[in-house]
Amino acid sequence: MLDSNIAIYFLNGQLPPKTLDFILTIIESECNISVISKIELLGWQAHSAGEQENIQGFVNEAVIIHLDDEIVEKTIELRKLYKMQLPDAVIAATAIVYNFVLISRNDKDFHKIAELNYQNPFI
């Protein structure tokens, strides 16, 4: 599952070649994102109409994982345990509930969650 920050790096052409290859394999197979990432990406102020179209196209091709009771309960647990921001807690909870590897560059928040399968593709 891709975090919003990785999608933004991808859409802006800011991924190193090795990381880009890795992310492309994910996108070409099945790109899962949390509904929070959809909100963040589509709420992001694009610099141009073309950039907005790229963002919309990316979101349209992704599998959006919506909130359900299990994700909500896991989000509450993570917020209590780790004092996380709500969007990051929802994203982490989604990855945990669906047993996804979360691909992100947010080491500060995600490294500390033992039950989260987390990978920073920049490392």
PDB file of N, CA and C in Angstrom:
ATOM      1  N   MET A   1       0.847  -1.167   0.000  1.00  0.00           N
ATOM      2  CA  MET A   1       0.000   0.000   0.000  1.00  0.00           C
ATOM      3  C   MET A   1       0.895   1.232   0.000  1.00  0.00           C
ATOM      4  N   LEU A   2       0.603   2.155  -0.894  1.00  0.00           N
ATOM      5  CA  LEU A   2       1.417   3.369  -0.965  1.00  0.00           C
ATOM      6  C   LEU A   2       0.865   4.456  -0.057  1.00  0.00           C
ATOM      7  N   ASP A   3       1.754   5.118   0.647  1.00  0.00           N
ATOM      8  CA  ASP A   3       1.395   6.296   1.420  1.00  0.00           C
ATOM      9  C   ASP A   3       1.349   7.491   0.468  1.00  0.00           C
ATOM     10  N   SER A   4       0.660   8.519   0.880  1.00  0.00           N
ATOM     11  CA  SER A   4       0.512   9.729   0.056  1.00  0.00           C
ATOM     12  C   SER A   4       1.854  10.315  -0.351  1.00  0.00           C
ATOM     13  N   ASN A   5       2.828  10.309   0.561  1.00  0.00           N
ATOM     14  CA  ASN A   5       4.109  10.946   0.234  1.00  0.00           C
ATOM     15  C   ASN A   5       4.821  10.235  -0.910  1.00  0.00           C
ATOM     16  N   ILE A   6       4.717   8.929  -0.982  1.00  0.00           N
ATOM     17  CA  ILE A   6       5.355   8.193  -2.076  1.00  0.00           C
ATOM     18  C   ILE A   6       4.639   8.486  -3.383  1.00  0.00           C
ATOM     19  N   ALA A   7       3.320   8.566  -3.351  1.00  0.00           N
ATOM     20  CA  ALA A   7       2.562   8.921  -4.556  1.00  0.00           C
ATOM     21  C   ALA A   7       2.954  10.308  -5.047  1.00  0.00           C
ATOM     22  N   ILE A   8       3.141  11.247  -4.138  1.00  0.00           N
ATOM     23  CA  ILE A   8       3.533  12.612  -4.528  1.00  0.00           C
ATOM     24  C   ILE A   8       4.934  12.616  -5.120  1.00  0.00           C
ATOM     25  N   TYR A   9       5.867  11.904  -4.493  1.00  0.00           N
ATOM     26  CA  TYR A   9       7.217  11.803  -5.081  1.00  0.00           C
ATOM     27  C   TYR A   9       7.138  11.216  -6.490  1.00  0.00           C
ATOM     28  N   PHE A  10       6.326  10.177  -6.654  1.00  0.00           N
ATOM     29  CA  PHE A  10       6.169   9.534  -7.950  1.00  0.00           C
ATOM     30  C   PHE A  10       5.592  10.510  -8.975  1.00  0.00           C
ATOM     31  N   LEU A  11       4.509  11.162  -8.624  1.00  0.00           N
ATOM     32  CA  LEU A  11       3.832  12.072  -9.551  1.00  0.00           C
ATOM     33  C   LEU A  11       4.693  13.285  -9.908  1.00  0.00           C
ATOM     34  N   ASN A  12       5.569  13.684  -8.998  1.00  0.00           N
ATOM     35  CA  ASN A  12       6.463  14.827  -9.248  1.00  0.00           C
ATOM     36  C   ASN A  12       7.767  14.423  -9.916  1.00  0.00           C
ATOM     37  N   GLY A  13       7.945  13.124 -10.195  1.00  0.00           N
ATOM     38  CA  GLY A  13       9.184  12.671 -10.808  1.00  0.00           C
ATOM     39  C   GLY A  13      10.387  12.829  -9.903  1.00  0.00           C
ATOM     40  N   GLN A  14      10.181  12.656  -8.587  1.00  0.00           N
ATOM     41  CA  GLN A  14      11.246  12.871  -7.601  1.00  0.00           C
ATOM     42  C   GLN A  14      11.785  11.583  -6.992  1.00  0.00           C
ATOM     43  N   LEU A  15      11.510  10.455  -7.605  1.00  0.00           N
ATOM     44  CA  LEU A  15      12.023   9.195  -7.079  1.00  0.00           C
ATOM     45  C   LEU A  15      13.354   8.853  -7.731  1.00  0.00           C
ATOM     46  N   PRO A  16      14.329   8.396  -6.939  1.00  0.00           N
ATOM     47  CA  PRO A  16      15.578   7.912  -7.526  1.00  0.00           C
ATOM     48  C   PRO A  16      15.281   6.702  -8.422  1.00  0.00           C
ATOM     49  N   PRO A  17      16.111   6.439  -9.433  1.00  0.00           N
ATOM     50  CA  PRO A  17      15.833   5.358 -10.396  1.00  0.00           C
ATOM     51  C   PRO A  17      15.516   4.006  -9.756  1.00  0.00           C
ATOM     52  N   LYS A  18      16.290   3.581  -8.776  1.00  0.00           N
ATOM     53  CA  LYS A  18      16.048   2.284  -8.131  1.00  0.00           C
ATOM     54  C   LYS A  18      14.682   2.271  -7.433  1.00  0.00           C
ATOM     55  N   THR A  19      14.375   3.348  -6.757  1.00  0.00           N
ATOM     56  CA  THR A  19      13.091   3.464  -6.067  1.00  0.00           C
ATOM     57  C   THR A  19      11.955   3.540  -7.077  1.00  0.00           C
ATOM     58  N   LEU A  20      12.165   4.268  -8.160  1.00  0.00           N
ATOM     59  CA  LEU A  20      11.147   4.382  -9.204  1.00  0.00           C
ATOM     60  C   LEU A  20      10.798   3.013  -9.771  1.00  0.00           C
ATOM     61  N   ASP A  21      11.793   2.204 -10.057  1.00  0.00           N
ATOM     62  CA  ASP A  21      11.539   0.857 -10.584  1.00  0.00           C
ATOM     63  C   ASP A  21      10.691   0.040  -9.613  1.00  0.00           C
ATOM     64  N   PHE A  22      11.015   0.129  -8.334  1.00  0.00           N
ATOM     65  CA  PHE A  22      10.276  -0.594  -7.302  1.00  0.00           C
ATOM     66  C   PHE A  22       8.821  -0.116  -7.251  1.00  0.00           C
ATOM     67  N   ILE A  23       8.615   1.190  -7.252  1.00  0.00           N
ATOM     68  CA  ILE A  23       7.269   1.757  -7.170  1.00  0.00           C
ATOM     69  C   ILE A  23       6.470   1.430  -8.431  1.00  0.00           C
ATOM     70  N   LEU A  24       7.120   1.453  -9.573  1.00  0.00           N
ATOM     71  CA  LEU A  24       6.425   1.112 -10.824  1.00  0.00           C
ATOM     72  C   LEU A  24       5.904  -0.325 -10.813  1.00  0.00           C
ATOM     73  N   THR A  25       6.661  -1.240 -10.215  1.00  0.00           N
ATOM     74  CA  THR A  25       6.173  -2.624 -10.150  1.00  0.00           C
ATOM     75  C   THR A  25       4.917  -2.711  -9.285  1.00  0.00           C
ATOM     76  N   ILE A  26       4.848  -1.907  -8.242  1.00  0.00           N
ATOM     77  CA  ILE A  26       3.656  -1.880  -7.385  1.00  0.00           C
ATOM     78  C   ILE A  26       2.478  -1.281  -8.148  1.00  0.00           C
ATOM     79  N   ILE A  27       2.722  -0.153  -8.788  1.00  0.00           N
ATOM     80  CA  ILE A  27       1.654   0.546  -9.500  1.00  0.00           C
ATOM     81  C   ILE A  27       1.116  -0.306 -10.650  1.00  0.00           C
ATOM     82  N   GLU A  28       1.999  -1.014 -11.318  1.00  0.00           N
ATOM     83  CA  GLU A  28       1.581  -1.817 -12.468  1.00  0.00           C
ATOM     84  C   GLU A  28       0.851  -3.094 -12.063  1.00  0.00           C
ATOM     85  N   SER A  29       1.055  -3.567 -10.826  1.00  0.00           N
ATOM     86  CA  SER A  29       0.351  -4.774 -10.389  1.00  0.00           C
ATOM     87  C   SER A  29      -0.978  -4.375  -9.751  1.00  0.00           C
ATOM     88  N   GLU A  30      -0.961  -3.922  -8.533  1.00  0.00           N
ATOM     89  CA  GLU A  30      -2.164  -3.448  -7.855  1.00  0.00           C
ATOM     90  C   GLU A  30      -1.754  -2.411  -6.835  1.00  0.00           C
ATOM     91  N   CYS A  31      -2.081  -1.186  -7.117  1.00  0.00           N
ATOM     92  CA  CYS A  31      -1.708  -0.082  -6.246  1.00  0.00           C
ATOM     93  C   CYS A  31      -2.846   0.211  -5.279  1.00  0.00           C
ATOM     94  N   ASN A  32      -2.634  -0.126  -4.014  1.00  0.00           N
ATOM     95  CA  ASN A  32      -3.622   0.136  -2.970  1.00  0.00           C
ATOM     96  C   ASN A  32      -3.264   1.419  -2.247  1.00  0.00           C
ATOM     97  N   ILE A  33      -4.277   2.253  -1.999  1.00  0.00           N
ATOM     98  CA  ILE A  33      -4.087   3.442  -1.171  1.00  0.00           C
ATOM     99  C   ILE A  33      -5.283   3.568  -0.222  1.00  0.00           C
ATOM    100  N   SER A  34      -5.028   4.174   0.903  1.00  0.00           N
ATOM    101  CA  SER A  34      -6.086   4.449   1.866  1.00  0.00           C
ATOM    102  C   SER A  34      -6.972   5.568   1.331  1.00  0.00           C
ATOM    103  N   VAL A  35      -8.217   5.588   1.786  1.00  0.00           N
ATOM    104  CA  VAL A  35      -9.103   6.694   1.448  1.00  0.00           C
ATOM    105  C   VAL A  35      -8.494   8.017   1.921  1.00  0.00           C
ATOM    106  N   ILE A  36      -7.687   7.983   2.982  1.00  0.00           N
ATOM    107  CA  ILE A  36      -7.007   9.187   3.458  1.00  0.00           C
ATOM    108  C   ILE A  36      -6.034   9.689   2.394  1.00  0.00           C
ATOM    109  N   SER A  37      -5.298   8.795   1.753  1.00  0.00           N
ATOM    110  CA  SER A  37      -4.389   9.204   0.686  1.00  0.00           C
ATOM    111  C   SER A  37      -5.156   9.788  -0.493  1.00  0.00           C
ATOM    112  N   LYS A  38      -6.306   9.215  -0.794  1.00  0.00           N
ATOM    113  CA  LYS A  38      -7.145   9.784  -1.863  1.00  0.00           C
ATOM    114  C   LYS A  38      -7.498  11.223  -1.522  1.00  0.00           C
ATOM    115  N   ILE A  39      -7.929  11.452  -0.303  1.00  0.00           N
ATOM    116  CA  ILE A  39      -8.300  12.805   0.134  1.00  0.00           C
ATOM    117  C   ILE A  39      -7.085  13.734   0.067  1.00  0.00           C
ATOM    118  N   GLU A  40      -5.945  13.269   0.576  1.00  0.00           N
ATOM    119  CA  GLU A  40      -4.740  14.100   0.560  1.00  0.00           C
ATOM    120  C   GLU A  40      -4.305  14.425  -0.860  1.00  0.00           C
ATOM    121  N   LEU A  41      -4.313  13.430  -1.734  1.00  0.00           N
ATOM    122  CA  LEU A  41      -3.859  13.649  -3.105  1.00  0.00           C
ATOM    123  C   LEU A  41      -4.802  14.567  -3.875  1.00  0.00           C
ATOM    124  N   LEU A  42      -6.096  14.308  -3.797  1.00  0.00           N
ATOM    125  CA  LEU A  42      -7.046  15.137  -4.548  1.00  0.00           C
ATOM    126  C   LEU A  42      -7.238  16.511  -3.914  1.00  0.00           C
ATOM    127  N   GLY A  43      -6.905  16.638  -2.634  1.00  0.00           N
ATOM    128  CA  GLY A  43      -6.979  17.933  -1.961  1.00  0.00           C
ATOM    129  C   GLY A  43      -5.711  18.758  -2.097  1.00  0.00           C
ATOM    130  N   TRP A  44      -4.700  18.152  -2.683  1.00  0.00           N
ATOM    131  CA  TRP A  44      -3.412  18.818  -2.878  1.00  0.00           C
ATOM    132  C   TRP A  44      -3.558  19.853  -3.983  1.00  0.00           C
ATOM    133  N   GLN A  45      -3.006  21.027  -3.800  1.00  0.00           N
ATOM    134  CA  GLN A  45      -3.114  22.110  -4.781  1.00  0.00           C
ATOM    135  C   GLN A  45      -2.136  21.875  -5.920  1.00  0.00           C
ATOM    136  N   ALA A  46      -2.648  21.407  -7.046  1.00  0.00           N
ATOM    137  CA  ALA A  46      -1.804  21.160  -8.219  1.00  0.00           C
ATOM    138  C   ALA A  46      -1.395  22.486  -8.841  1.00  0.00           C
ATOM    139  N   HIS A  47      -0.223  22.492  -9.465  1.00  0.00           N
ATOM    140  CA  HIS A  47       0.306  23.715 -10.082  1.00  0.00           C
ATOM    141  C   HIS A  47      -0.317  23.990 -11.442  1.00  0.00           C
ATOM    142  N   SER A  48      -0.882  22.959 -12.061  1.00  0.00           N
ATOM    143  CA  SER A  48      -1.443  23.128 -13.399  1.00  0.00           C
ATOM    144  C   SER A  48      -2.579  22.130 -13.607  1.00  0.00           C
ATOM    145  N   ALA A  49      -3.336  22.364 -14.678  1.00  0.00           N
ATOM    146  CA  ALA A  49      -4.420  21.439 -15.013  1.00  0.00           C
ATOM    147  C   ALA A  49      -3.852  20.067 -15.375  1.00  0.00           C
ATOM    148  N   GLY A  50      -2.709  20.033 -16.037  1.00  0.00           N
ATOM    149  CA  GLY A  50      -2.069  18.773 -16.395  1.00  0.00           C
ATOM    150  C   GLY A  50      -1.658  17.988 -15.169  1.00  0.00           C
ATOM    151  N   GLU A  51      -1.111  18.687 -14.190  1.00  0.00           N
ATOM    152  CA  GLU A  51      -0.713  18.029 -12.946  1.00  0.00           C
ATOM    153  C   GLU A  51      -1.945  17.475 -12.221  1.00  0.00           C
ATOM    154  N   GLN A  52      -3.033  18.241 -12.213  1.00  0.00           N
ATOM    155  CA  GLN A  52      -4.270  17.782 -11.575  1.00  0.00           C
ATOM    156  C   GLN A  52      -4.805  16.542 -12.286  1.00  0.00           C
ATOM    157  N   GLU A  53      -4.702  16.508 -13.609  1.00  0.00           N
ATOM    158  CA  GLU A  53      -5.135  15.338 -14.374  1.00  0.00           C
ATOM    159  C   GLU A  53      -4.292  14.114 -14.029  1.00  0.00           C
ATOM    160  N   ASN A  54      -2.988  14.299 -13.857  1.00  0.00           N
ATOM    161  CA  ASN A  54      -2.107  13.186 -13.477  1.00  0.00           C
ATOM    162  C   ASN A  54      -2.493  12.628 -12.113  1.00  0.00           C
ATOM    163  N   ILE A  55      -2.769  13.519 -11.182  1.00  0.00           N
ATOM    164  CA  ILE A  55      -3.171  13.093  -9.839  1.00  0.00           C
ATOM    165  C   ILE A  55      -4.486  12.321  -9.914  1.00  0.00           C
ATOM    166  N   GLN A  56      -5.451  12.881 -10.646  1.00  0.00           N
ATOM    167  CA  GLN A  56      -6.760  12.236 -10.778  1.00  0.00           C
ATOM    168  C   GLN A  56      -6.609  10.870 -11.444  1.00  0.00           C
ATOM    169  N   GLY A  57      -5.778  10.793 -12.467  1.00  0.00           N
ATOM    170  CA  GLY A  57      -5.544   9.519 -13.147  1.00  0.00           C
ATOM    171  C   GLY A  57      -4.929   8.483 -12.227  1.00  0.00           C
ATOM    172  N   PHE A  58      -3.960   8.917 -11.411  1.00  0.00           N
ATOM    173  CA  PHE A  58      -3.327   8.011 -10.449  1.00  0.00           C
ATOM    174  C   PHE A  58      -4.374   7.466  -9.473  1.00  0.00           C
ATOM    175  N   VAL A  59      -5.184   8.347  -8.921  1.00  0.00           N
ATOM    176  CA  VAL A  59      -6.206   7.938  -7.947  1.00  0.00           C
ATOM    177  C   VAL A  59      -7.234   7.016  -8.610  1.00  0.00           C
ATOM    178  N   ASN A  60      -7.620   7.342  -9.835  1.00  0.00           N
ATOM    179  CA  ASN A  60      -8.607   6.512 -10.543  1.00  0.00           C
ATOM    180  C   ASN A  60      -8.105   5.090 -10.777  1.00  0.00           C
ATOM    181  N   GLU A  61      -6.810   4.928 -10.965  1.00  0.00           N
ATOM    182  CA  GLU A  61      -6.230   3.608 -11.222  1.00  0.00           C
ATOM    183  C   GLU A  61      -5.956   2.821  -9.943  1.00  0.00           C
ATOM    184  N   ALA A  62      -5.877   3.517  -8.825  1.00  0.00           N
ATOM    185  CA  ALA A  62      -5.567   2.870  -7.547  1.00  0.00           C
ATOM    186  C   ALA A  62      -6.798   2.162  -6.981  1.00  0.00           C
ATOM    187  N   VAL A  63      -6.531   1.154  -6.148  1.00  0.00           N
ATOM    188  CA  VAL A  63      -7.588   0.519  -5.369  1.00  0.00           C
ATOM    189  C   VAL A  63      -7.688   1.311  -4.069  1.00  0.00           C
ATOM    190  N   ILE A  64      -8.833   1.919  -3.844  1.00  0.00           N
ATOM    191  CA  ILE A  64      -9.037   2.751  -2.656  1.00  0.00           C
ATOM    192  C   ILE A  64      -9.595   1.870  -1.542  1.00  0.00           C
ATOM    193  N   ILE A  65      -8.907   1.844  -0.410  1.00  0.00           N
ATOM    194  CA  ILE A  65      -9.376   1.082   0.748  1.00  0.00           C
ATOM    195  C   ILE A  65     -10.120   2.054   1.665  1.00  0.00           C
ATOM    196  N   HIS A  66     -11.416   1.837   1.776  1.00  0.00           N
ATOM    197  CA  HIS A  66     -12.278   2.721   2.565  1.00  0.00           C
ATOM    198  C   HIS A  66     -12.307   2.293   4.034  1.00  0.00           C
ATOM    199  N   LEU A  67     -12.777   3.202   4.857  1.00  0.00           N
ATOM    200  CA  LEU A  67     -12.882   2.912   6.283  1.00  0.00           C
ATOM    201  C   LEU A  67     -13.994   1.899   6.543  1.00  0.00           C
ATOM    202  N   ASP A  68     -13.712   1.005   7.462  1.00  0.00           N
ATOM    203  CA  ASP A  68     -14.730   0.101   7.984  1.00  0.00           C
ATOM    204  C   ASP A  68     -14.518   0.036   9.497  1.00  0.00           C
ATOM    205  N   ASP A  69     -15.368  -0.693  10.192  1.00  0.00           N
ATOM    206  CA  ASP A  69     -15.284  -0.729  11.656  1.00  0.00           C
ATOM    207  C   ASP A  69     -13.949  -1.261  12.161  1.00  0.00           C
ATOM    208  N   GLU A  70     -13.394  -2.250  11.477  1.00  0.00           N
ATOM    209  CA  GLU A  70     -12.120  -2.821  11.917  1.00  0.00           C
ATOM    210  C   GLU A  70     -10.981  -1.802  11.789  1.00  0.00           C
ATOM    211  N   ILE A  71     -10.969  -1.061  10.706  1.00  0.00           N
ATOM    212  CA  ILE A  71      -9.943  -0.015  10.532  1.00  0.00           C
ATOM    213  C   ILE A  71     -10.144   1.080  11.558  1.00  0.00           C
ATOM    214  N   VAL A  72     -11.385   1.462  11.810  1.00  0.00           N
ATOM    215  CA  VAL A  72     -11.668   2.498  12.810  1.00  0.00           C
ATOM    216  C   VAL A  72     -11.158   2.066  14.182  1.00  0.00           C
ATOM    217  N   GLU A  73     -11.440   0.836  14.585  1.00  0.00           N
ATOM    218  CA  GLU A  73     -10.995   0.346  15.898  1.00  0.00           C
ATOM    219  C   GLU A  73      -9.464   0.300  15.987  1.00  0.00           C
ATOM    220  N   LYS A  74      -8.808  -0.144  14.928  1.00  0.00           N
ATOM    221  CA  LYS A  74      -7.344  -0.190  14.916  1.00  0.00           C
ATOM    222  C   LYS A  74      -6.773   1.227  14.942  1.00  0.00           C
ATOM    223  N   THR A  75      -7.418   2.163  14.267  1.00  0.00           N
ATOM    224  CA  THR A  75      -6.980   3.566  14.279  1.00  0.00           C
ATOM    225  C   THR A  75      -7.038   4.129  15.689  1.00  0.00           C
ATOM    226  N   ILE A  76      -8.118   3.864  16.383  1.00  0.00           N
ATOM    227  CA  ILE A  76      -8.264   4.342  17.765  1.00  0.00           C
ATOM    228  C   ILE A  76      -7.151   3.762  18.634  1.00  0.00           C
ATOM    229  N   GLU A  77      -6.896   2.469  18.485  1.00  0.00           N
ATOM    230  CA  GLU A  77      -5.833   1.805  19.251  1.00  0.00           C
ATOM    231  C   GLU A  77      -4.471   2.457  18.974  1.00  0.00           C
ATOM    232  N   LEU A  78      -4.166   2.688  17.696  1.00  0.00           N
ATOM    233  CA  LEU A  78      -2.869   3.294  17.342  1.00  0.00           C
ATOM    234  C   LEU A  78      -2.746   4.719  17.870  1.00  0.00           C
ATOM    235  N   ARG A  79      -3.819   5.475  17.795  1.00  0.00           N
ATOM    236  CA  ARG A  79      -3.767   6.858  18.304  1.00  0.00           C
ATOM    237  C   ARG A  79      -3.513   6.874  19.812  1.00  0.00           C
ATOM    238  N   LYS A  80      -4.123   5.955  20.520  1.00  0.00           N
ATOM    239  CA  LYS A  80      -3.913   5.886  21.970  1.00  0.00           C
ATOM    240  C   LYS A  80      -2.495   5.442  22.310  1.00  0.00           C
ATOM    241  N   LEU A  81      -2.005   4.434  21.600  1.00  0.00           N
ATOM    242  CA  LEU A  81      -0.680   3.886  21.897  1.00  0.00           C
ATOM    243  C   LEU A  81       0.470   4.795  21.477  1.00  0.00           C
ATOM    244  N   TYR A  82       0.327   5.429  20.314  1.00  0.00           N
ATOM    245  CA  TYR A  82       1.469   6.127  19.720  1.00  0.00           C
ATOM    246  C   TYR A  82       1.285   7.632  19.568  1.00  0.00           C
ATOM    247  N   LYS A  83       0.145   8.166  20.002  1.00  0.00           N
ATOM    248  CA  LYS A  83      -0.100   9.620  19.924  1.00  0.00           C
ATOM    249  C   LYS A  83       0.127  10.142  18.505  1.00  0.00           C
ATOM    250  N   MET A  84      -0.421   9.437  17.527  1.00  0.00           N
ATOM    251  CA  MET A  84      -0.224   9.761  16.112  1.00  0.00           C
ATOM    252  C   MET A  84      -1.283  10.736  15.621  1.00  0.00           C
ATOM    253  N   GLN A  85      -0.930  11.444  14.543  1.00  0.00           N
ATOM    254  CA  GLN A  85      -1.907  12.257  13.832  1.00  0.00           C
ATOM    255  C   GLN A  85      -2.946  11.318  13.232  1.00  0.00           C
ATOM    256  N   LEU A  86      -4.179  11.762  13.143  1.00  0.00           N
ATOM    257  CA  LEU A  86      -5.262  10.926  12.646  1.00  0.00           C
ATOM    258  C   LEU A  86      -5.002  10.367  11.243  1.00  0.00           C
ATOM    259  N   PRO A  87      -4.575  11.174  10.260  1.00  0.00           N
ATOM    260  CA  PRO A  87      -4.358  10.592   8.926  1.00  0.00           C
ATOM    261  C   PRO A  87      -3.329   9.459   8.925  1.00  0.00           C
ATOM    262  N   ASP A  88      -2.219   9.635   9.640  1.00  0.00           N
ATOM    263  CA  ASP A  88      -1.196   8.590   9.686  1.00  0.00           C
ATOM    264  C   ASP A  88      -1.707   7.349  10.407  1.00  0.00           C
ATOM    265  N   ALA A  89      -2.501   7.550  11.439  1.00  0.00           N
ATOM    266  CA  ALA A  89      -3.061   6.410  12.166  1.00  0.00           C
ATOM    267  C   ALA A  89      -4.030   5.621  11.288  1.00  0.00           C
ATOM    268  N   VAL A  90      -4.841   6.311  10.493  1.00  0.00           N
ATOM    269  CA  VAL A  90      -5.769   5.626   9.587  1.00  0.00           C
ATOM    270  C   VAL A  90      -4.996   4.841   8.535  1.00  0.00           C
ATOM    271  N   ILE A  91      -3.967   5.456   7.974  1.00  0.00           N
ATOM    272  CA  ILE A  91      -3.166   4.780   6.945  1.00  0.00           C
ATOM    273  C   ILE A  91      -2.487   3.540   7.530  1.00  0.00           C
ATOM    274  N   ALA A  92      -1.870   3.680   8.693  1.00  0.00           N
ATOM    275  CA  ALA A  92      -1.214   2.533   9.336  1.00  0.00           C
ATOM    276  C   ALA A  92      -2.232   1.450   9.684  1.00  0.00           C
ATOM    277  N   ALA A  93      -3.368   1.843  10.230  1.00  0.00           N
ATOM    278  CA  ALA A  93      -4.407   0.877  10.594  1.00  0.00           C
ATOM    279  C   ALA A  93      -4.903   0.121   9.363  1.00  0.00           C
ATOM    280  N   THR A  94      -5.069   0.821   8.265  1.00  0.00           N
ATOM    281  CA  THR A  94      -5.516   0.184   7.027  1.00  0.00           C
ATOM    282  C   THR A  94      -4.521  -0.882   6.582  1.00  0.00           C
ATOM    283  N   ALA A  95      -3.240  -0.527   6.606  1.00  0.00           N
ATOM    284  CA  ALA A  95      -2.199  -1.489   6.209  1.00  0.00           C
ATOM    285  C   ALA A  95      -2.188  -2.700   7.144  1.00  0.00           C
ATOM    286  N   ILE A  96      -2.345  -2.468   8.428  1.00  0.00           N
ATOM    287  CA  ILE A  96      -2.336  -3.566   9.395  1.00  0.00           C
ATOM    288  C   ILE A  96      -3.538  -4.485   9.180  1.00  0.00           C
ATOM    289  N   VAL A  97      -4.717  -3.904   9.090  1.00  0.00           N
ATOM    290  CA  VAL A  97      -5.947  -4.696   8.944  1.00  0.00           C
ATOM    291  C   VAL A  97      -5.927  -5.535   7.671  1.00  0.00           C
ATOM    292  N   TYR A  98      -5.409  -4.963   6.586  1.00  0.00           N
ATOM    293  CA  TYR A  98      -5.382  -5.688   5.308  1.00  0.00           C
ATOM    294  C   TYR A  98      -4.090  -6.472   5.089  1.00  0.00           C
ATOM    295  N   ASN A  99      -3.209  -6.434   6.076  1.00  0.00           N
ATOM    296  CA  ASN A  99      -1.932  -7.139   5.995  1.00  0.00           C
ATOM    297  C   ASN A  99      -1.123  -6.708   4.767  1.00  0.00           C
ATOM    298  N   PHE A 100      -1.137  -5.397   4.497  1.00  0.00           N
ATOM    299  CA  PHE A 100      -0.353  -4.815   3.416  1.00  0.00           C
ATOM    300  C   PHE A 100       0.998  -4.363   3.943  1.00  0.00           C
ATOM    301  N   VAL A 101       1.989  -4.331   3.084  1.00  0.00           N
ATOM    302  CA  VAL A 101       3.235  -3.634   3.378  1.00  0.00           C
ATOM    303  C   VAL A 101       2.965  -2.159   3.086  1.00  0.00           C
ATOM    304  N   LEU A 102       3.227  -1.302   4.054  1.00  0.00           N
ATOM    305  CA  LEU A 102       3.044   0.129   3.854  1.00  0.00           C
ATOM    306  C   LEU A 102       4.343   0.724   3.326  1.00  0.00           C
ATOM    307  N   ILE A 103       4.280   1.314   2.143  1.00  0.00           N
ATOM    308  CA  ILE A 103       5.437   1.944   1.513  1.00  0.00           C
ATOM    309  C   ILE A 103       5.322   3.442   1.768  1.00  0.00           C
ATOM    310  N   SER A 104       6.283   3.964   2.531  1.00  0.00           N
ATOM    311  CA  SER A 104       6.242   5.369   2.921  1.00  0.00           C
ATOM    312  C   SER A 104       7.647   5.852   3.252  1.00  0.00           C
ATOM    313  N   ARG A 105       7.767   7.148   3.376  1.00  0.00           N
ATOM    314  CA  ARG A 105       9.028   7.730   3.827  1.00  0.00           C
ATOM    315  C   ARG A 105       8.849   8.355   5.216  1.00  0.00           C
ATOM    316  N   ASN A 106       7.794   7.987   5.898  1.00  0.00           N
ATOM    317  CA  ASN A 106       7.469   8.548   7.210  1.00  0.00           C
ATOM    318  C   ASN A 106       8.011   7.656   8.326  1.00  0.00           C
ATOM    319  N   ASP A 107       9.330   7.582   8.422  1.00  0.00           N
ATOM    320  CA  ASP A 107       9.958   6.751   9.453  1.00  0.00           C
ATOM    321  C   ASP A 107       9.548   7.179  10.857  1.00  0.00           C
ATOM    322  N   LYS A 108       9.414   8.478  11.064  1.00  0.00           N
ATOM    323  CA  LYS A 108       9.113   9.018  12.394  1.00  0.00           C
ATOM    324  C   LYS A 108       7.858   8.376  12.990  1.00  0.00           C
ATOM    325  N   ASP A 109       6.825   8.245  12.205  1.00  0.00           N
ATOM    326  CA  ASP A 109       5.566   7.710  12.721  1.00  0.00           C
ATOM    327  C   ASP A 109       5.421   6.206  12.566  1.00  0.00           C
ATOM    328  N   PHE A 110       5.933   5.649  11.488  1.00  0.00           N
ATOM    329  CA  PHE A 110       5.618   4.259  11.181  1.00  0.00           C
ATOM    330  C   PHE A 110       6.622   3.235  11.699  1.00  0.00           C
ATOM    331  N   HIS A 111       7.872   3.620  11.897  1.00  0.00           N
ATOM    332  CA  HIS A 111       8.876   2.662  12.392  1.00  0.00           C
ATOM    333  C   HIS A 111       8.549   2.129  13.780  1.00  0.00           C
ATOM    334  N   LYS A 112       7.881   2.923  14.583  1.00  0.00           N
ATOM    335  CA  LYS A 112       7.635   2.543  15.972  1.00  0.00           C
ATOM    336  C   LYS A 112       6.488   1.545  16.149  1.00  0.00           C
ATOM    337  N   ILE A 113       5.731   1.276  15.093  1.00  0.00           N
ATOM    338  CA  ILE A 113       4.570   0.383  15.198  1.00  0.00           C
ATOM    339  C   ILE A 113       5.012  -1.041  14.870  1.00  0.00           C
ATOM    340  N   ALA A 114       5.168  -1.847  15.889  1.00  0.00           N
ATOM    341  CA  ALA A 114       5.730  -3.192  15.725  1.00  0.00           C
ATOM    342  C   ALA A 114       4.902  -4.077  14.798  1.00  0.00           C
ATOM    343  N   GLU A 115       3.591  -3.986  14.860  1.00  0.00           N
ATOM    344  CA  GLU A 115       2.742  -4.872  14.056  1.00  0.00           C
ATOM    345  C   GLU A 115       2.578  -4.400  12.611  1.00  0.00           C
ATOM    346  N   LEU A 116       3.125  -3.237  12.278  1.00  0.00           N
ATOM    347  CA  LEU A 116       3.023  -2.695  10.919  1.00  0.00           C
ATOM    348  C   LEU A 116       4.178  -3.188  10.068  1.00  0.00           C
ATOM    349  N   ASN A 117       3.861  -3.757   8.928  1.00  0.00           N
ATOM    350  CA  ASN A 117       4.872  -4.149   7.959  1.00  0.00           C
ATOM    351  C   ASN A 117       5.164  -2.900   7.125  1.00  0.00           C
ATOM    352  N   TYR A 118       6.275  -2.240   7.432  1.00  0.00           N
ATOM    353  CA  TYR A 118       6.588  -0.918   6.875  1.00  0.00           C
ATOM    354  C   TYR A 118       7.897  -0.978   6.093  1.00  0.00           C
ATOM    355  N   GLN A 119       7.892  -0.272   4.963  1.00  0.00           N
ATOM    356  CA  GLN A 119       9.117  -0.222   4.157  1.00  0.00           C
ATOM    357  C   GLN A 119       9.310   1.188   3.617  1.00  0.00           C
ATOM    358  N   ASN A 120      10.510   1.714   3.827  1.00  0.00           N
ATOM    359  CA  ASN A 120      10.913   2.989   3.254  1.00  0.00           C
ATOM    360  C   ASN A 120      11.741   2.686   2.009  1.00  0.00           C
ATOM    361  N   PRO A 121      11.235   2.977   0.809  1.00  0.00           N
ATOM    362  CA  PRO A 121      11.955   2.601  -0.403  1.00  0.00           C
ATOM    363  C   PRO A 121      13.197   3.467  -0.672  1.00  0.00           C
ATOM    364  N   PHE A 122      13.394   4.504   0.118  1.00  0.00           N
ATOM    365  CA  PHE A 122      14.552   5.376  -0.044  1.00  0.00           C
ATOM    366  C   PHE A 122      15.771   4.841   0.688  1.00  0.00           C
ATOM    367  N   ILE A 123      15.563   3.846   1.561  1.00  0.00           N
ATOM    368  CA  ILE A 123      16.672   3.298   2.355  1.00  0.00           C
ATOM    369  C   ILE A 123      17.253   2.083   1.656  1.00  0.00           C
TER     370      ILE A 123
END
